[in-house]
Full PDB file with SEQRES, HELIX, SHEET, SSBOND, CRYST1, ORIGX, SCALE, CONECT and MASTER records, all heavy atoms in Angstrom:
SEQRES   1 A   31  PHE VAL ILE SER LYS SER LYS PHE ILE GLY THR LEU THR          
SEQRES   2 A   31  GLN GLN LEU TYR SER THR GLY SER ARG ALA PHE VAL PRO          
SEQRES   3 A   31  LEU VAL ILE HIS GLN                                          
HELIX    1 AA1 LYS A    5  GLN A   15  1                                  11    
HELIX    2 AA2 THR A   19  ARG A   22  1                                   4    
HELIX    3 AA3 VAL A   25  HIS A   30  1                                   6    
CRYST1    1.000    1.000    1.000  90.00  90.00  90.00 P 1           1          
ORIGX1      1.000000  0.000000  0.000000        0.00000                         
ORIGX2      0.000000  1.000000  0.000000        0.00000                         
ORIGX3      0.000000  0.000000  1.000000        0.00000                         
SCALE1      1.000000  0.000000  0.000000        0.00000                         
SCALE2      0.000000  1.000000  0.000000        0.00000                         
SCALE3      0.000000  0.000000  1.000000        0.00000                         
ATOM      1  N   PHE A   1    -164.524 -17.434 -33.328  1.00  0.00           N  
ATOM      2  CA  PHE A   1    -163.933 -16.094 -33.344  1.00  0.00           C  
ATOM      3  C   PHE A   1    -164.354 -15.412 -34.634  1.00  0.00           C  
ATOM      4  O   PHE A   1    -164.082 -15.903 -35.733  1.00  0.00           O  
ATOM      5  CB  PHE A   1    -162.411 -16.207 -33.253  1.00  0.00           C  
ATOM      6  CG  PHE A   1    -161.679 -14.892 -33.215  1.00  0.00           C  
ATOM      7  CD1 PHE A   1    -162.192 -13.787 -32.560  1.00  0.00           C  
ATOM      8  CD2 PHE A   1    -160.432 -14.766 -33.829  1.00  0.00           C  
ATOM      9  CE1 PHE A   1    -161.499 -12.591 -32.513  1.00  0.00           C  
ATOM     10  CE2 PHE A   1    -159.734 -13.575 -33.791  1.00  0.00           C  
ATOM     11  CZ  PHE A   1    -160.264 -12.480 -33.127  1.00  0.00           C  
ATOM     12  N   VAL A   2    -165.065 -14.282 -34.492  1.00  0.00           N  
ATOM     13  CA  VAL A   2    -165.579 -13.553 -35.648  1.00  0.00           C  
ATOM     14  C   VAL A   2    -164.790 -12.255 -35.794  1.00  0.00           C  
ATOM     15  O   VAL A   2    -164.615 -11.505 -34.826  1.00  0.00           O  
ATOM     16  CB  VAL A   2    -167.078 -13.253 -35.497  1.00  0.00           C  
ATOM     17  CG1 VAL A   2    -167.609 -12.547 -36.743  1.00  0.00           C  
ATOM     18  CG2 VAL A   2    -167.865 -14.539 -35.243  1.00  0.00           C  
ATOM     19  N   ILE A   3    -164.300 -12.015 -37.013  1.00  0.00           N  
ATOM     20  CA  ILE A   3    -163.469 -10.835 -37.271  1.00  0.00           C  
ATOM     21  C   ILE A   3    -164.067 -10.042 -38.423  1.00  0.00           C  
ATOM     22  O   ILE A   3    -164.270 -10.576 -39.513  1.00  0.00           O  
ATOM     23  CB  ILE A   3    -162.026 -11.220 -37.635  1.00  0.00           C  
ATOM     24  CG1 ILE A   3    -161.467 -12.263 -36.671  1.00  0.00           C  
ATOM     25  CG2 ILE A   3    -161.135  -9.985 -37.657  1.00  0.00           C  
ATOM     26  CD1 ILE A   3    -161.509 -13.673 -37.206  1.00  0.00           C  
ATOM     27  N   SER A   4    -164.340  -8.767 -38.177  1.00  0.00           N  
ATOM     28  CA  SER A   4    -164.767  -7.857 -39.234  1.00  0.00           C  
ATOM     29  C   SER A   4    -163.678  -6.815 -39.437  1.00  0.00           C  
ATOM     30  O   SER A   4    -162.717  -6.725 -38.665  1.00  0.00           O  
ATOM     31  CB  SER A   4    -166.078  -7.171 -38.856  1.00  0.00           C  
ATOM     32  OG  SER A   4    -165.887  -6.334 -37.725  1.00  0.00           O  
ATOM     33  N   LYS A   5    -163.843  -6.010 -40.465  1.00  0.00           N  
ATOM     34  CA  LYS A   5    -162.870  -4.942 -40.712  1.00  0.00           C  
ATOM     35  C   LYS A   5    -162.793  -3.996 -39.521  1.00  0.00           C  
ATOM     36  O   LYS A   5    -161.695  -3.638 -39.073  1.00  0.00           O  
ATOM     37  CB  LYS A   5    -163.260  -4.171 -41.979  1.00  0.00           C  
ATOM     38  CG  LYS A   5    -162.333  -2.994 -42.285  1.00  0.00           C  
ATOM     39  CD  LYS A   5    -162.786  -2.244 -43.536  1.00  0.00           C  
ATOM     40  CE  LYS A   5    -161.921  -1.013 -43.787  1.00  0.00           C  
ATOM     41  NZ  LYS A   5    -162.365  -0.261 -44.986  1.00  0.00           N  
ATOM     42  N   SER A   6    -163.933  -3.601 -38.977  1.00  0.00           N  
ATOM     43  CA  SER A   6    -163.921  -2.644 -37.875  1.00  0.00           C  
ATOM     44  C   SER A   6    -163.314  -3.258 -36.613  1.00  0.00           C  
ATOM     45  O   SER A   6    -162.642  -2.570 -35.833  1.00  0.00           O  
ATOM     46  CB  SER A   6    -165.338  -2.127 -37.589  1.00  0.00           C  
ATOM     47  OG  SER A   6    -166.199  -3.189 -37.253  1.00  0.00           O  
ATOM     48  N   LYS A   7    -163.521  -4.554 -36.411  1.00  0.00           N  
ATOM     49  CA  LYS A   7    -162.939  -5.221 -35.242  1.00  0.00           C  
ATOM     50  C   LYS A   7    -161.416  -5.306 -35.393  1.00  0.00           C  
ATOM     51  O   LYS A   7    -160.666  -5.107 -34.428  1.00  0.00           O  
ATOM     52  CB  LYS A   7    -163.538  -6.606 -35.068  1.00  0.00           C  
ATOM     53  CG  LYS A   7    -163.142  -7.321 -33.774  1.00  0.00           C  
ATOM     54  CD  LYS A   7    -163.979  -8.577 -33.613  1.00  0.00           C  
ATOM     55  CE  LYS A   7    -163.801  -9.221 -32.254  1.00  0.00           C  
ATOM     56  NZ  LYS A   7    -164.748 -10.345 -32.060  1.00  0.00           N  
ATOM     57  N   PHE A   8    -160.964  -5.599 -36.583  1.00  0.00           N  
ATOM     58  CA  PHE A   8    -159.535  -5.676 -36.859  1.00  0.00           C  
ATOM     59  C   PHE A   8    -158.884  -4.306 -36.648  1.00  0.00           C  
ATOM     60  O   PHE A   8    -157.873  -4.181 -35.945  1.00  0.00           O  
ATOM     61  CB  PHE A   8    -159.324  -6.166 -38.289  1.00  0.00           C  
ATOM     62  CG  PHE A   8    -157.894  -6.391 -38.676  1.00  0.00           C  
ATOM     63  CD1 PHE A   8    -157.160  -7.423 -38.116  1.00  0.00           C  
ATOM     64  CD2 PHE A   8    -157.284  -5.578 -39.620  1.00  0.00           C  
ATOM     65  CE1 PHE A   8    -155.835  -7.629 -38.472  1.00  0.00           C  
ATOM     66  CE2 PHE A   8    -155.960  -5.784 -39.995  1.00  0.00           C  
ATOM     67  CZ  PHE A   8    -155.238  -6.817 -39.418  1.00  0.00           C  
ATOM     68  N   ILE A   9    -159.496  -3.279 -37.232  1.00  0.00           N  
ATOM     69  CA  ILE A   9    -158.970  -1.915 -37.088  1.00  0.00           C  
ATOM     70  C   ILE A   9    -158.988  -1.475 -35.627  1.00  0.00           C  
ATOM     71  O   ILE A   9    -158.031  -0.896 -35.109  1.00  0.00           O  
ATOM     72  CB  ILE A   9    -159.774  -0.936 -37.959  1.00  0.00           C  
ATOM     73  CG1 ILE A   9    -159.477  -1.162 -39.434  1.00  0.00           C  
ATOM     74  CG2 ILE A   9    -159.493   0.515 -37.573  1.00  0.00           C  
ATOM     75  CD1 ILE A   9    -158.074  -0.809 -39.856  1.00  0.00           C  
ATOM     76  N   GLY A  10    -160.091  -1.734 -34.952  1.00  0.00           N  
ATOM     77  CA  GLY A  10    -160.217  -1.313 -33.559  1.00  0.00           C  
ATOM     78  C   GLY A  10    -159.188  -1.975 -32.661  1.00  0.00           C  
ATOM     79  O   GLY A  10    -158.619  -1.328 -31.765  1.00  0.00           O  
ATOM     80  N   THR A  11    -158.918  -3.264 -32.903  1.00  0.00           N  
ATOM     81  CA  THR A  11    -157.940  -3.981 -32.086  1.00  0.00           C  
ATOM     82  C   THR A  11    -156.535  -3.445 -32.336  1.00  0.00           C  
ATOM     83  O   THR A  11    -155.766  -3.221 -31.394  1.00  0.00           O  
ATOM     84  CB  THR A  11    -157.993  -5.484 -32.380  1.00  0.00           C  
ATOM     85  OG1 THR A  11    -159.333  -5.962 -32.171  1.00  0.00           O  
ATOM     86  CG2 THR A  11    -157.055  -6.257 -31.470  1.00  0.00           C  
ATOM     87  N   LEU A  12    -156.194  -3.226 -33.604  1.00  0.00           N  
ATOM     88  CA  LEU A  12    -154.871  -2.666 -33.906  1.00  0.00           C  
ATOM     89  C   LEU A  12    -154.720  -1.269 -33.314  1.00  0.00           C  
ATOM     90  O   LEU A  12    -153.646  -0.907 -32.812  1.00  0.00           O  
ATOM     91  CB  LEU A  12    -154.641  -2.618 -35.414  1.00  0.00           C  
ATOM     92  CG  LEU A  12    -154.516  -3.958 -36.154  1.00  0.00           C  
ATOM     93  CD1 LEU A  12    -154.096  -3.719 -37.599  1.00  0.00           C  
ATOM     94  CD2 LEU A  12    -153.541  -4.900 -35.468  1.00  0.00           C  
ATOM     95  N   THR A  13    -155.778  -0.484 -33.375  1.00  0.00           N  
ATOM     96  CA  THR A  13    -155.719   0.880 -32.834  1.00  0.00           C  
ATOM     97  C   THR A  13    -155.340   0.868 -31.362  1.00  0.00           C  
ATOM     98  O   THR A  13    -154.508   1.668 -30.913  1.00  0.00           O  
ATOM     99  CB  THR A  13    -157.065   1.594 -33.023  1.00  0.00           C  
ATOM    100  OG1 THR A  13    -157.321   1.759 -34.427  1.00  0.00           O  
ATOM    101  CG2 THR A  13    -157.077   2.960 -32.348  1.00  0.00           C  
ATOM    102  N   GLN A  14    -155.925  -0.037 -30.597  1.00  0.00           N  
ATOM    103  CA  GLN A  14    -155.610  -0.101 -29.173  1.00  0.00           C  
ATOM    104  C   GLN A  14    -154.138  -0.418 -28.936  1.00  0.00           C  
ATOM    105  O   GLN A  14    -153.537   0.038 -27.964  1.00  0.00           O  
ATOM    106  CB  GLN A  14    -156.493  -1.149 -28.485  1.00  0.00           C  
ATOM    107  CG  GLN A  14    -157.953  -0.762 -28.384  1.00  0.00           C  
ATOM    108  CD  GLN A  14    -158.152   0.560 -27.669  1.00  0.00           C  
ATOM    109  OE1 GLN A  14    -157.647   0.773 -26.570  1.00  0.00           O  
ATOM    110  NE2 GLN A  14    -158.880   1.481 -28.299  1.00  0.00           N  
ATOM    111  N   GLN A  15    -153.542  -1.192 -29.843  1.00  0.00           N  
ATOM    112  CA  GLN A  15    -152.130  -1.550 -29.681  1.00  0.00           C  
ATOM    113  C   GLN A  15    -151.198  -0.370 -29.971  1.00  0.00           C  
ATOM    114  O   GLN A  15    -150.053  -0.361 -29.534  1.00  0.00           O  
ATOM    115  CB  GLN A  15    -151.758  -2.720 -30.599  1.00  0.00           C  
ATOM    116  CG  GLN A  15    -152.697  -3.905 -30.555  1.00  0.00           C  
ATOM    117  CD  GLN A  15    -153.087  -4.313 -29.157  1.00  0.00           C  
ATOM    118  OE1 GLN A  15    -152.227  -4.536 -28.311  1.00  0.00           O  
ATOM    119  NE2 GLN A  15    -154.387  -4.420 -28.906  1.00  0.00           N  
ATOM    120  N   LEU A  16    -151.683   0.616 -30.720  1.00  0.00           N  
ATOM    121  CA  LEU A  16    -150.840   1.748 -31.104  1.00  0.00           C  
ATOM    122  C   LEU A  16    -150.563   2.707 -29.950  1.00  0.00           C  
ATOM    123  O   LEU A  16    -149.692   3.564 -30.052  1.00  0.00           O  
ATOM    124  CB  LEU A  16    -151.481   2.512 -32.266  1.00  0.00           C  
ATOM    125  CG  LEU A  16    -151.623   1.748 -33.589  1.00  0.00           C  
ATOM    126  CD1 LEU A  16    -152.354   2.606 -34.620  1.00  0.00           C  
ATOM    127  CD2 LEU A  16    -150.256   1.323 -34.126  1.00  0.00           C  
ATOM    128  N   TYR A  17    -151.284   2.558 -28.845  1.00  0.00           N  
ATOM    129  CA  TYR A  17    -151.153   3.504 -27.739  1.00  0.00           C  
ATOM    130  C   TYR A  17    -149.786   3.445 -27.070  1.00  0.00           C  
ATOM    131  O   TYR A  17    -149.273   4.461 -26.614  1.00  0.00           O  
ATOM    132  CB  TYR A  17    -152.238   3.248 -26.692  1.00  0.00           C  
ATOM    133  CG  TYR A  17    -153.568   3.882 -27.001  1.00  0.00           C  
ATOM    134  CD1 TYR A  17    -154.301   3.524 -28.124  1.00  0.00           C  
ATOM    135  CD2 TYR A  17    -154.110   4.840 -26.153  1.00  0.00           C  
ATOM    136  CE1 TYR A  17    -155.533   4.103 -28.399  1.00  0.00           C  
ATOM    137  CE2 TYR A  17    -155.344   5.426 -26.414  1.00  0.00           C  
ATOM    138  CZ  TYR A  17    -156.047   5.044 -27.547  1.00  0.00           C  
ATOM    139  OH  TYR A  17    -157.263   5.623 -27.821  1.00  0.00           O  
ATOM    140  N   SER A  18    -149.199   2.255 -26.947  1.00  0.00           N  
ATOM    141  CA  SER A  18    -147.938   2.132 -26.220  1.00  0.00           C  
ATOM    142  C   SER A  18    -146.915   1.376 -27.045  1.00  0.00           C  
ATOM    143  O   SER A  18    -147.266   0.527 -27.880  1.00  0.00           O  
ATOM    144  CB  SER A  18    -148.146   1.420 -24.881  1.00  0.00           C  
ATOM    145  OG  SER A  18    -148.343   0.035 -25.081  1.00  0.00           O  
ATOM    146  N   THR A  19    -145.637   1.663 -26.789  1.00  0.00           N  
ATOM    147  CA  THR A  19    -144.586   0.995 -27.552  1.00  0.00           C  
ATOM    148  C   THR A  19    -144.561  -0.498 -27.251  1.00  0.00           C  
ATOM    149  O   THR A  19    -144.210  -1.298 -28.122  1.00  0.00           O  
ATOM    150  CB  THR A  19    -143.219   1.616 -27.229  1.00  0.00           C  
ATOM    151  OG1 THR A  19    -143.046   1.671 -25.801  1.00  0.00           O  
ATOM    152  CG2 THR A  19    -143.113   3.018 -27.784  1.00  0.00           C  
ATOM    153  N   GLY A  20    -144.922  -0.892 -26.038  1.00  0.00           N  
ATOM    154  CA  GLY A  20    -144.951  -2.303 -25.705  1.00  0.00           C  
ATOM    155  C   GLY A  20    -145.929  -3.084 -26.555  1.00  0.00           C  
ATOM    156  O   GLY A  20    -145.608  -4.156 -27.088  1.00  0.00           O  
ATOM    157  N   SER A  21    -147.142  -2.564 -26.719  1.00  0.00           N  
ATOM    158  CA  SER A  21    -148.148  -3.284 -27.501  1.00  0.00           C  
ATOM    159  C   SER A  21    -147.975  -3.073 -29.007  1.00  0.00           C  
ATOM    160  O   SER A  21    -148.375  -3.928 -29.806  1.00  0.00           O  
ATOM    161  CB  SER A  21    -149.560  -2.865 -27.062  1.00  0.00           C  
ATOM    162  OG  SER A  21    -149.737  -1.469 -27.152  1.00  0.00           O  
ATOM    163  N   ARG A  22    -147.356  -1.969 -29.410  1.00  0.00           N  
ATOM    164  CA  ARG A  22    -147.080  -1.752 -30.835  1.00  0.00           C  
ATOM    165  C   ARG A  22    -146.165  -2.840 -31.395  1.00  0.00           C  
ATOM    166  O   ARG A  22    -146.208  -3.158 -32.580  1.00  0.00           O  
ATOM    167  CB  ARG A  22    -146.431  -0.376 -31.045  1.00  0.00           C  
ATOM    168  CG  ARG A  22    -147.356   0.804 -30.836  1.00  0.00           C  
ATOM    169  CD  ARG A  22    -146.567   2.116 -30.771  1.00  0.00           C  
ATOM    170  NE  ARG A  22    -146.013   2.489 -32.055  1.00  0.00           N  
ATOM    171  CZ  ARG A  22    -146.607   3.280 -32.945  1.00  0.00           C  
ATOM    172  NH1 ARG A  22    -147.798   3.786 -32.676  1.00  0.00           N  
ATOM    173  NH2 ARG A  22    -146.020   3.579 -34.091  1.00  0.00           N  
ATOM    174  N   ALA A  23    -145.349  -3.421 -30.525  1.00  0.00           N  
ATOM    175  CA  ALA A  23    -144.386  -4.427 -30.961  1.00  0.00           C  
ATOM    176  C   ALA A  23    -145.051  -5.635 -31.610  1.00  0.00           C  
ATOM    177  O   ALA A  23    -144.442  -6.339 -32.427  1.00  0.00           O  
ATOM    178  CB  ALA A  23    -143.551  -4.886 -29.763  1.00  0.00           C  
ATOM    179  N   PHE A  24    -146.335  -5.896 -31.272  1.00  0.00           N  
ATOM    180  CA  PHE A  24    -147.029  -7.070 -31.790  1.00  0.00           C  
ATOM    181  C   PHE A  24    -147.711  -6.827 -33.139  1.00  0.00           C  
ATOM    182  O   PHE A  24    -148.094  -7.783 -33.823  1.00  0.00           O  
ATOM    183  CB  PHE A  24    -148.096  -7.533 -30.790  1.00  0.00           C  
ATOM    184  CG  PHE A  24    -147.554  -7.904 -29.447  1.00  0.00           C  
ATOM    185  CD1 PHE A  24    -147.752  -7.064 -28.354  1.00  0.00           C  
ATOM    186  CD2 PHE A  24    -146.838  -9.067 -29.257  1.00  0.00           C  
ATOM    187  CE1 PHE A  24    -147.257  -7.394 -27.102  1.00  0.00           C  
ATOM    188  CE2 PHE A  24    -146.336  -9.407 -28.007  1.00  0.00           C  
ATOM    189  CZ  PHE A  24    -146.546  -8.569 -26.935  1.00  0.00           C  
ATOM    190  N   VAL A  25    -147.904  -5.563 -33.512  1.00  0.00           N  
ATOM    191  CA  VAL A  25    -148.768  -5.237 -34.645  1.00  0.00           C  
ATOM    192  C   VAL A  25    -148.288  -5.838 -35.967  1.00  0.00           C  
ATOM    193  O   VAL A  25    -149.093  -6.463 -36.687  1.00  0.00           O  
ATOM    194  CB  VAL A  25    -148.958  -3.710 -34.753  1.00  0.00           C  
ATOM    195  CG1 VAL A  25    -149.653  -3.332 -36.058  1.00  0.00           C  
ATOM    196  CG2 VAL A  25    -149.776  -3.208 -33.559  1.00  0.00           C  
ATOM    197  N   PRO A  26    -147.020  -5.718 -36.362  1.00  0.00           N  
ATOM    198  CA  PRO A  26    -146.622  -6.309 -37.647  1.00  0.00           C  
ATOM    199  C   PRO A  26    -146.856  -7.819 -37.704  1.00  0.00           C  
ATOM    200  O   PRO A  26    -147.326  -8.335 -38.729  1.00  0.00           O  
ATOM    201  CB  PRO A  26    -145.126  -5.969 -37.729  1.00  0.00           C  
ATOM    202  CG  PRO A  26    -144.972  -4.732 -36.908  1.00  0.00           C  
ATOM    203  CD  PRO A  26    -145.914  -4.929 -35.762  1.00  0.00           C  
ATOM    204  N   LEU A  27    -146.553  -8.522 -36.631  1.00  0.00           N  
ATOM    205  CA  LEU A  27    -146.754  -9.972 -36.608  1.00  0.00           C  
ATOM    206  C   LEU A  27    -148.231 -10.325 -36.733  1.00  0.00           C  
ATOM    207  O   LEU A  27    -148.598 -11.250 -37.471  1.00  0.00           O  
ATOM    208  CB  LEU A  27    -146.185 -10.550 -35.312  1.00  0.00           C  
ATOM    209  CG  LEU A  27    -146.340 -12.069 -35.119  1.00  0.00           C  
ATOM    210  CD1 LEU A  27    -145.569 -12.835 -36.187  1.00  0.00           C  
ATOM    211  CD2 LEU A  27    -145.887 -12.485 -33.716  1.00  0.00           C  
ATOM    212  N   VAL A  28    -149.079  -9.592 -36.047  1.00  0.00           N  
ATOM    213  CA  VAL A  28    -150.529  -9.854 -36.112  1.00  0.00           C  
ATOM    214  C   VAL A  28    -151.049  -9.641 -37.528  1.00  0.00           C  
ATOM    215  O   VAL A  28    -151.840 -10.441 -38.044  1.00  0.00           O  
ATOM    216  CB  VAL A  28    -151.274  -8.949 -35.105  1.00  0.00           C  
ATOM    217  CG1 VAL A  28    -152.781  -8.982 -35.358  1.00  0.00           C  
ATOM    218  CG2 VAL A  28    -150.964  -9.377 -33.677  1.00  0.00           C  
ATOM    219  N   ILE A  29    -150.598  -8.568 -38.184  1.00  0.00           N  
ATOM    220  CA  ILE A  29    -151.015  -8.296 -39.568  1.00  0.00           C  
ATOM    221  C   ILE A  29    -150.518  -9.403 -40.492  1.00  0.00           C  
ATOM    222  O   ILE A  29    -151.268  -9.926 -41.329  1.00  0.00           O  
ATOM    223  CB  ILE A  29    -150.485  -6.927 -40.024  1.00  0.00           C  
ATOM    224  CG1 ILE A  29    -151.181  -5.800 -39.252  1.00  0.00           C  
ATOM    225  CG2 ILE A  29    -150.690  -6.740 -41.533  1.00  0.00           C  
ATOM    226  CD1 ILE A  29    -150.557  -4.438 -39.488  1.00  0.00           C  
ATOM    227  N   HIS A  30    -149.255  -9.769 -40.363  1.00  0.00           N  
ATOM    228  CA  HIS A  30    -148.659 -10.799 -41.225  1.00  0.00           C  
ATOM    229  C   HIS A  30    -149.390 -12.128 -41.077  1.00  0.00           C  
ATOM    230  O   HIS A  30    -149.695 -12.793 -42.082  1.00  0.00           O  
ATOM    231  CB  HIS A  30    -147.183 -10.946 -40.867  1.00  0.00           C  
ATOM    232  CG  HIS A  30    -146.455 -11.993 -41.651  1.00  0.00           C  
ATOM    233  ND1 HIS A  30    -146.235 -11.895 -43.014  1.00  0.00           N  
ATOM    234  CD2 HIS A  30    -145.901 -13.179 -41.268  1.00  0.00           C  
ATOM    235  CE1 HIS A  30    -145.567 -12.954 -43.438  1.00  0.00           C  
ATOM    236  NE2 HIS A  30    -145.367 -13.757 -42.396  1.00  0.00           N  
ATOM    237  N   GLN A  31    -149.667 -12.520 -39.854  1.00  0.00           N  
ATOM    238  CA  GLN A  31    -150.354 -13.793 -39.633  1.00  0.00           C  
ATOM    239  C   GLN A  31    -151.800 -13.743 -40.126  1.00  0.00           C  
ATOM    240  O   GLN A  31    -152.316 -14.717 -40.680  1.00  0.00           O  
ATOM    241  CB  GLN A  31    -150.320 -14.157 -38.146  1.00  0.00           C  
ATOM    242  CG  GLN A  31    -148.939 -14.555 -37.649  1.00  0.00           C  
ATOM    243  CD  GLN A  31    -148.421 -15.835 -38.295  1.00  0.00           C  
ATOM    244  OE1 GLN A  31    -149.180 -16.786 -38.508  1.00  0.00           O  
ATOM    245  NE2 GLN A  31    -147.138 -15.864 -38.624  1.00  0.00           N  
TER     246      GLN A  31                                                      
MASTER        0    0    0    3    0    0    0    6  245    1    0    3          
END                                                                             
């Protein structure tokens, strides 16, 4: 699994679209 800054940002951006997926964002960042 390869992670770059743009991949990280792009994945988080997709989660911001709905309240259901936004719920995961803080945990993903923390981990």
